[in-house]
N, C-alpha and C. Protein backbone atom coordinates (compact mmCIF):
# COMPACT_ATOMS: atom_id res chain seq x y z
N UNK A 1 -2.44 22.51 -0.14
CA UNK A 1 -2.77 21.66 -1.26
C UNK A 1 -4.16 22.03 -1.75
N UNK A 2 -4.36 21.91 -3.01
CA UNK A 2 -5.67 22.25 -3.55
C UNK A 2 -6.58 21.03 -3.49
N UNK A 3 -7.87 21.28 -3.25
CA UNK A 3 -8.80 20.14 -3.18
C UNK A 3 -8.92 19.46 -4.53
N UNK A 4 -9.02 18.17 -4.53
CA UNK A 4 -9.13 17.45 -5.78
C UNK A 4 -10.58 17.04 -6.01
N UNK A 5 -10.96 17.00 -7.26
CA UNK A 5 -12.32 16.62 -7.63
C UNK A 5 -12.45 15.11 -7.59
N UNK A 6 -13.57 14.66 -7.09
CA UNK A 6 -13.83 13.23 -7.02
C UNK A 6 -15.18 12.98 -7.65
N UNK A 7 -15.15 12.45 -8.83
CA UNK A 7 -16.41 12.20 -9.51
C UNK A 7 -16.77 10.73 -9.42
N UNK A 8 -17.95 10.48 -8.96
CA UNK A 8 -18.49 9.13 -8.87
C UNK A 8 -19.96 9.20 -9.27
N UNK A 9 -20.41 8.13 -9.83
CA UNK A 9 -21.84 8.06 -10.17
C UNK A 9 -22.65 8.05 -8.88
N UNK A 10 -23.84 8.60 -8.93
CA UNK A 10 -24.68 8.67 -7.73
C UNK A 10 -24.96 7.26 -7.20
N UNK A 11 -24.79 7.09 -5.91
CA UNK A 11 -25.07 5.81 -5.28
C UNK A 11 -23.96 4.79 -5.39
N UNK A 12 -22.82 5.15 -6.01
CA UNK A 12 -21.73 4.18 -6.17
C UNK A 12 -20.55 4.54 -5.27
N UNK A 13 -20.84 4.92 -4.05
CA UNK A 13 -19.79 5.28 -3.10
C UNK A 13 -18.93 4.06 -2.79
N UNK A 14 -17.64 4.28 -2.70
CA UNK A 14 -16.72 3.22 -2.31
C UNK A 14 -17.02 2.79 -0.88
N UNK A 15 -17.22 3.77 -0.03
CA UNK A 15 -17.57 3.54 1.37
C UNK A 15 -18.75 4.45 1.67
N UNK A 16 -19.86 3.92 2.20
CA UNK A 16 -20.98 4.80 2.52
C UNK A 16 -20.59 5.80 3.61
N UNK A 17 -20.88 7.06 3.37
CA UNK A 17 -20.48 8.12 4.30
C UNK A 17 -21.52 8.30 5.39
N UNK A 18 -21.07 8.32 6.64
CA UNK A 18 -21.94 8.59 7.77
C UNK A 18 -22.08 10.08 8.02
N UNK A 19 -21.06 10.85 7.59
CA UNK A 19 -21.04 12.29 7.76
C UNK A 19 -20.69 12.91 6.42
N UNK A 20 -21.39 13.97 6.04
CA UNK A 20 -21.08 14.66 4.79
C UNK A 20 -19.98 15.68 5.05
N UNK A 21 -18.82 15.49 4.40
CA UNK A 21 -17.68 16.39 4.56
C UNK A 21 -17.54 17.19 3.29
N UNK A 22 -17.37 18.51 3.43
CA UNK A 22 -17.32 19.37 2.24
C UNK A 22 -15.96 20.01 2.02
N UNK A 23 -15.01 19.84 2.93
CA UNK A 23 -13.70 20.47 2.75
C UNK A 23 -12.68 19.46 2.24
N UNK A 24 -11.51 19.98 1.87
CA UNK A 24 -10.43 19.12 1.38
C UNK A 24 -9.94 18.21 2.50
N UNK A 25 -9.64 16.97 2.16
CA UNK A 25 -9.27 16.02 3.21
C UNK A 25 -8.06 15.18 2.84
N UNK A 26 -7.21 15.70 1.97
CA UNK A 26 -6.04 14.94 1.55
C UNK A 26 -4.80 15.60 2.10
N UNK A 27 -3.95 14.92 2.79
CA UNK A 27 -4.06 13.59 3.37
C UNK A 27 -4.85 13.64 4.68
N UNK A 28 -5.17 12.48 5.19
CA UNK A 28 -5.89 12.40 6.46
C UNK A 28 -4.99 12.86 7.60
N UNK A 29 -5.41 13.92 8.26
CA UNK A 29 -4.62 14.44 9.38
C UNK A 29 -4.58 13.47 10.54
N UNK A 30 -5.70 12.80 10.80
CA UNK A 30 -5.72 11.83 11.91
C UNK A 30 -4.74 10.69 11.64
N UNK A 31 -4.75 10.16 10.43
CA UNK A 31 -3.84 9.06 10.09
C UNK A 31 -2.39 9.51 10.13
N UNK A 32 -2.14 10.73 9.63
CA UNK A 32 -0.77 11.23 9.58
C UNK A 32 -0.23 11.49 10.99
N UNK A 33 -0.98 12.18 11.81
CA UNK A 33 -0.50 12.50 13.16
C UNK A 33 -0.39 11.25 14.02
N UNK A 34 -1.37 10.35 13.90
CA UNK A 34 -1.30 9.14 14.73
C UNK A 34 -0.10 8.28 14.34
N UNK A 35 0.15 8.14 13.05
CA UNK A 35 1.31 7.33 12.67
C UNK A 35 2.61 8.03 13.02
N UNK A 36 2.68 9.35 12.87
CA UNK A 36 3.90 10.07 13.23
C UNK A 36 4.18 9.96 14.73
N UNK A 37 3.17 10.20 15.55
CA UNK A 37 3.38 10.19 17.00
C UNK A 37 3.61 8.78 17.52
N UNK A 38 2.72 7.85 17.17
CA UNK A 38 2.82 6.51 17.73
C UNK A 38 4.03 5.74 17.20
N UNK A 39 4.37 5.92 15.93
CA UNK A 39 5.55 5.22 15.41
C UNK A 39 6.84 5.83 15.95
N UNK A 40 6.87 7.15 16.11
CA UNK A 40 8.04 7.77 16.72
C UNK A 40 8.22 7.27 18.15
N UNK A 41 7.12 7.24 18.89
CA UNK A 41 7.16 6.73 20.27
C UNK A 41 7.62 5.27 20.30
N UNK A 42 7.09 4.46 19.39
CA UNK A 42 7.47 3.04 19.34
C UNK A 42 8.95 2.87 19.03
N UNK A 43 9.44 3.61 18.05
CA UNK A 43 10.85 3.47 17.67
C UNK A 43 11.77 3.97 18.78
N UNK A 44 11.39 5.04 19.46
CA UNK A 44 12.22 5.54 20.56
C UNK A 44 12.22 4.56 21.74
N UNK A 45 11.05 4.00 22.06
CA UNK A 45 10.98 3.02 23.14
C UNK A 45 11.78 1.76 22.79
N UNK A 46 11.63 1.29 21.54
CA UNK A 46 12.34 0.08 21.11
C UNK A 46 13.85 0.32 21.12
N UNK A 47 14.27 1.53 20.80
CA UNK A 47 15.70 1.84 20.78
C UNK A 47 16.30 1.74 22.18
N UNK A 48 15.52 2.07 23.20
CA UNK A 48 16.03 2.04 24.56
C UNK A 48 15.91 0.69 25.24
N UNK A 49 15.28 -0.28 24.60
CA UNK A 49 15.10 -1.60 25.21
C UNK A 49 16.36 -2.44 25.05
N UNK A 50 16.52 -3.46 25.91
CA UNK A 50 17.70 -4.33 25.80
C UNK A 50 17.78 -5.02 24.45
N UNK A 51 18.99 -5.22 23.98
CA UNK A 51 19.19 -5.84 22.67
C UNK A 51 19.67 -7.29 22.76
N UNK A 52 19.92 -7.78 23.95
CA UNK A 52 20.50 -9.12 24.07
C UNK A 52 19.43 -10.21 24.05
N UNK A 53 19.70 -11.24 23.29
CA UNK A 53 18.85 -12.42 23.26
C UNK A 53 17.54 -12.23 22.50
N UNK A 54 16.80 -13.32 22.45
CA UNK A 54 15.55 -13.29 21.70
C UNK A 54 14.47 -12.52 22.44
N UNK A 55 14.57 -12.44 23.77
CA UNK A 55 13.57 -11.69 24.54
C UNK A 55 13.66 -10.20 24.26
N UNK A 56 14.85 -9.70 24.12
CA UNK A 56 15.03 -8.29 23.78
C UNK A 56 14.45 -7.97 22.42
N UNK A 57 14.73 -8.83 21.46
CA UNK A 57 14.21 -8.64 20.12
C UNK A 57 12.68 -8.76 20.11
N UNK A 58 12.16 -9.76 20.81
CA UNK A 58 10.71 -9.95 20.85
C UNK A 58 10.02 -8.76 21.51
N UNK A 59 10.62 -8.21 22.54
CA UNK A 59 10.05 -7.04 23.19
C UNK A 59 10.01 -5.84 22.29
N UNK A 60 11.11 -5.62 21.55
CA UNK A 60 11.14 -4.48 20.62
C UNK A 60 10.12 -4.65 19.51
N UNK A 61 10.01 -5.87 18.99
CA UNK A 61 9.02 -6.13 17.93
C UNK A 61 7.60 -5.94 18.46
N UNK A 62 7.35 -6.38 19.68
CA UNK A 62 6.01 -6.24 20.27
C UNK A 62 5.63 -4.77 20.45
N UNK A 63 6.57 -3.95 20.90
CA UNK A 63 6.29 -2.52 21.09
C UNK A 63 5.96 -1.86 19.75
N UNK A 64 6.78 -2.11 18.74
CA UNK A 64 6.54 -1.51 17.43
C UNK A 64 5.24 -2.04 16.82
N UNK A 65 4.97 -3.32 16.97
CA UNK A 65 3.73 -3.90 16.44
C UNK A 65 2.50 -3.30 17.11
N UNK A 66 2.54 -3.13 18.43
CA UNK A 66 1.39 -2.56 19.15
C UNK A 66 1.08 -1.15 18.67
N UNK A 67 2.10 -0.29 18.62
CA UNK A 67 1.87 1.09 18.21
C UNK A 67 1.51 1.18 16.72
N UNK A 68 2.05 0.29 15.91
CA UNK A 68 1.67 0.26 14.49
C UNK A 68 0.20 -0.12 14.33
N UNK A 69 -0.23 -1.11 15.09
CA UNK A 69 -1.63 -1.52 15.05
C UNK A 69 -2.55 -0.37 15.48
N UNK A 70 -2.14 0.37 16.47
CA UNK A 70 -2.92 1.52 16.93
C UNK A 70 -3.08 2.55 15.81
N UNK A 71 -1.99 2.86 15.11
CA UNK A 71 -2.05 3.81 14.00
C UNK A 71 -2.93 3.28 12.86
N UNK A 72 -2.84 1.99 12.57
CA UNK A 72 -3.66 1.40 11.51
C UNK A 72 -5.14 1.45 11.87
N UNK A 73 -5.46 1.15 13.12
CA UNK A 73 -6.87 1.19 13.54
C UNK A 73 -7.44 2.60 13.48
N UNK A 74 -6.66 3.59 13.82
CA UNK A 74 -7.13 4.97 13.73
C UNK A 74 -7.39 5.34 12.27
N UNK A 75 -6.49 4.96 11.38
CA UNK A 75 -6.70 5.24 9.96
C UNK A 75 -7.91 4.51 9.40
N UNK A 76 -8.09 3.26 9.79
CA UNK A 76 -9.24 2.49 9.31
C UNK A 76 -10.55 3.08 9.82
N UNK A 77 -10.53 3.66 11.03
CA UNK A 77 -11.75 4.27 11.55
C UNK A 77 -12.16 5.47 10.72
N UNK A 78 -11.20 6.18 10.13
CA UNK A 78 -11.52 7.34 9.30
C UNK A 78 -12.25 6.90 8.03
N UNK A 79 -11.84 5.77 7.47
CA UNK A 79 -12.53 5.24 6.28
C UNK A 79 -13.89 4.70 6.69
N UNK A 80 -13.96 3.99 7.81
CA UNK A 80 -15.23 3.42 8.27
C UNK A 80 -16.26 4.50 8.53
N UNK A 81 -15.84 5.61 9.13
CA UNK A 81 -16.76 6.71 9.40
C UNK A 81 -17.15 7.46 8.13
N UNK A 82 -16.42 7.23 7.06
CA UNK A 82 -16.75 7.85 5.79
C UNK A 82 -16.27 9.28 5.65
N UNK A 83 -15.34 9.70 6.47
CA UNK A 83 -14.84 11.06 6.38
C UNK A 83 -13.58 11.18 5.54
N UNK A 84 -13.00 10.04 5.14
CA UNK A 84 -11.83 10.04 4.26
C UNK A 84 -11.93 8.87 3.29
N UNK A 85 -11.31 9.07 2.14
CA UNK A 85 -11.16 7.99 1.18
C UNK A 85 -9.95 7.16 1.60
N UNK A 86 -9.89 5.90 1.20
CA UNK A 86 -8.71 5.09 1.54
C UNK A 86 -7.40 5.71 1.08
N UNK A 87 -7.41 6.39 -0.07
CA UNK A 87 -6.18 7.03 -0.55
C UNK A 87 -5.73 8.16 0.38
N UNK A 88 -6.68 8.86 0.99
CA UNK A 88 -6.34 9.92 1.95
C UNK A 88 -5.62 9.33 3.16
N UNK A 89 -6.15 8.23 3.66
CA UNK A 89 -5.57 7.58 4.84
C UNK A 89 -4.20 7.00 4.50
N UNK A 90 -4.08 6.38 3.34
CA UNK A 90 -2.80 5.80 2.92
C UNK A 90 -1.73 6.89 2.82
N UNK A 91 -2.09 8.03 2.26
CA UNK A 91 -1.14 9.14 2.16
C UNK A 91 -0.77 9.65 3.55
N UNK A 92 -1.73 9.72 4.45
CA UNK A 92 -1.44 10.14 5.82
C UNK A 92 -0.48 9.19 6.50
N UNK A 93 -0.72 7.88 6.31
CA UNK A 93 0.20 6.89 6.89
C UNK A 93 1.60 7.05 6.31
N UNK A 94 1.70 7.28 5.01
CA UNK A 94 3.02 7.42 4.37
C UNK A 94 3.77 8.63 4.90
N UNK A 95 3.08 9.78 4.98
CA UNK A 95 3.74 10.98 5.51
C UNK A 95 4.12 10.80 6.98
N UNK A 96 3.23 10.24 7.77
CA UNK A 96 3.51 10.03 9.19
C UNK A 96 4.65 9.05 9.42
N UNK A 97 4.67 7.97 8.64
CA UNK A 97 5.75 6.99 8.76
C UNK A 97 7.08 7.59 8.33
N UNK A 98 7.07 8.37 7.25
CA UNK A 98 8.30 9.03 6.81
C UNK A 98 8.84 9.95 7.90
N UNK A 99 7.95 10.70 8.54
CA UNK A 99 8.36 11.58 9.64
C UNK A 99 8.98 10.78 10.79
N UNK A 100 8.31 9.71 11.18
CA UNK A 100 8.80 8.90 12.29
C UNK A 100 10.18 8.32 11.97
N UNK A 101 10.36 7.86 10.75
CA UNK A 101 11.66 7.29 10.37
C UNK A 101 12.74 8.36 10.33
N UNK A 102 12.41 9.57 9.87
CA UNK A 102 13.38 10.66 9.87
C UNK A 102 13.80 11.02 11.29
N UNK A 103 12.85 11.09 12.20
CA UNK A 103 13.17 11.40 13.59
C UNK A 103 14.03 10.30 14.19
N UNK A 104 13.68 9.05 13.91
CA UNK A 104 14.44 7.92 14.45
C UNK A 104 15.88 7.92 13.91
N UNK A 105 16.03 8.17 12.59
CA UNK A 105 17.38 8.21 12.02
C UNK A 105 18.17 9.39 12.58
N UNK A 106 17.50 10.53 12.79
CA UNK A 106 18.18 11.68 13.39
C UNK A 106 18.63 11.39 14.80
N UNK A 107 17.81 10.68 15.55
CA UNK A 107 18.17 10.29 16.91
C UNK A 107 19.38 9.38 16.92
N UNK A 108 19.41 8.42 16.02
CA UNK A 108 20.56 7.50 15.94
C UNK A 108 21.82 8.25 15.54
N UNK A 109 21.68 9.19 14.60
CA UNK A 109 22.83 9.96 14.15
C UNK A 109 23.38 10.82 15.30
N UNK A 110 22.47 11.47 16.03
CA UNK A 110 22.91 12.28 17.16
C UNK A 110 23.56 11.42 18.25
N UNK A 111 23.03 10.25 18.50
CA UNK A 111 23.60 9.37 19.52
C UNK A 111 25.02 8.96 19.12
N UNK A 112 25.24 8.68 17.86
CA UNK A 112 26.60 8.33 17.41
C UNK A 112 27.54 9.53 17.47
N UNK A 113 27.02 10.71 17.15
CA UNK A 113 27.85 11.92 17.16
C UNK A 113 28.29 12.25 18.59
N UNK A 114 27.42 12.02 19.56
CA UNK A 114 27.75 12.29 20.95
C UNK A 114 28.75 11.28 21.49
N UNK A 115 28.61 10.03 21.08
CA UNK A 115 29.49 8.96 21.59
C UNK A 115 30.89 9.04 21.01
N UNK A 116 31.07 9.68 19.86
CA UNK A 116 32.42 9.75 19.27
C UNK A 116 33.13 11.02 19.57
């Protein structure tokens, strides 16, 4: 991807930068990889958990919520440190989440194909 120009008036930073970054940063690799890995892990773990009763559902929701929170905190740290714009992190989350969902759907499809 080609680097995009970001013009802002001097001193009007959206987020004050702690580190000066000079290379292209779209999308945020940290946000993308963390959401891809942690959400894939969460969905695979939740898939293997018991499905009966409210405890099974609550456990699956808790696992996905924990790993989602972890991915969100990693992305927010990138904005806080000033090394990415919020749009970079949002794009990373979108790509990572799309990857995790594709892997999860592929896993479900393969599980059905093996069972039939």
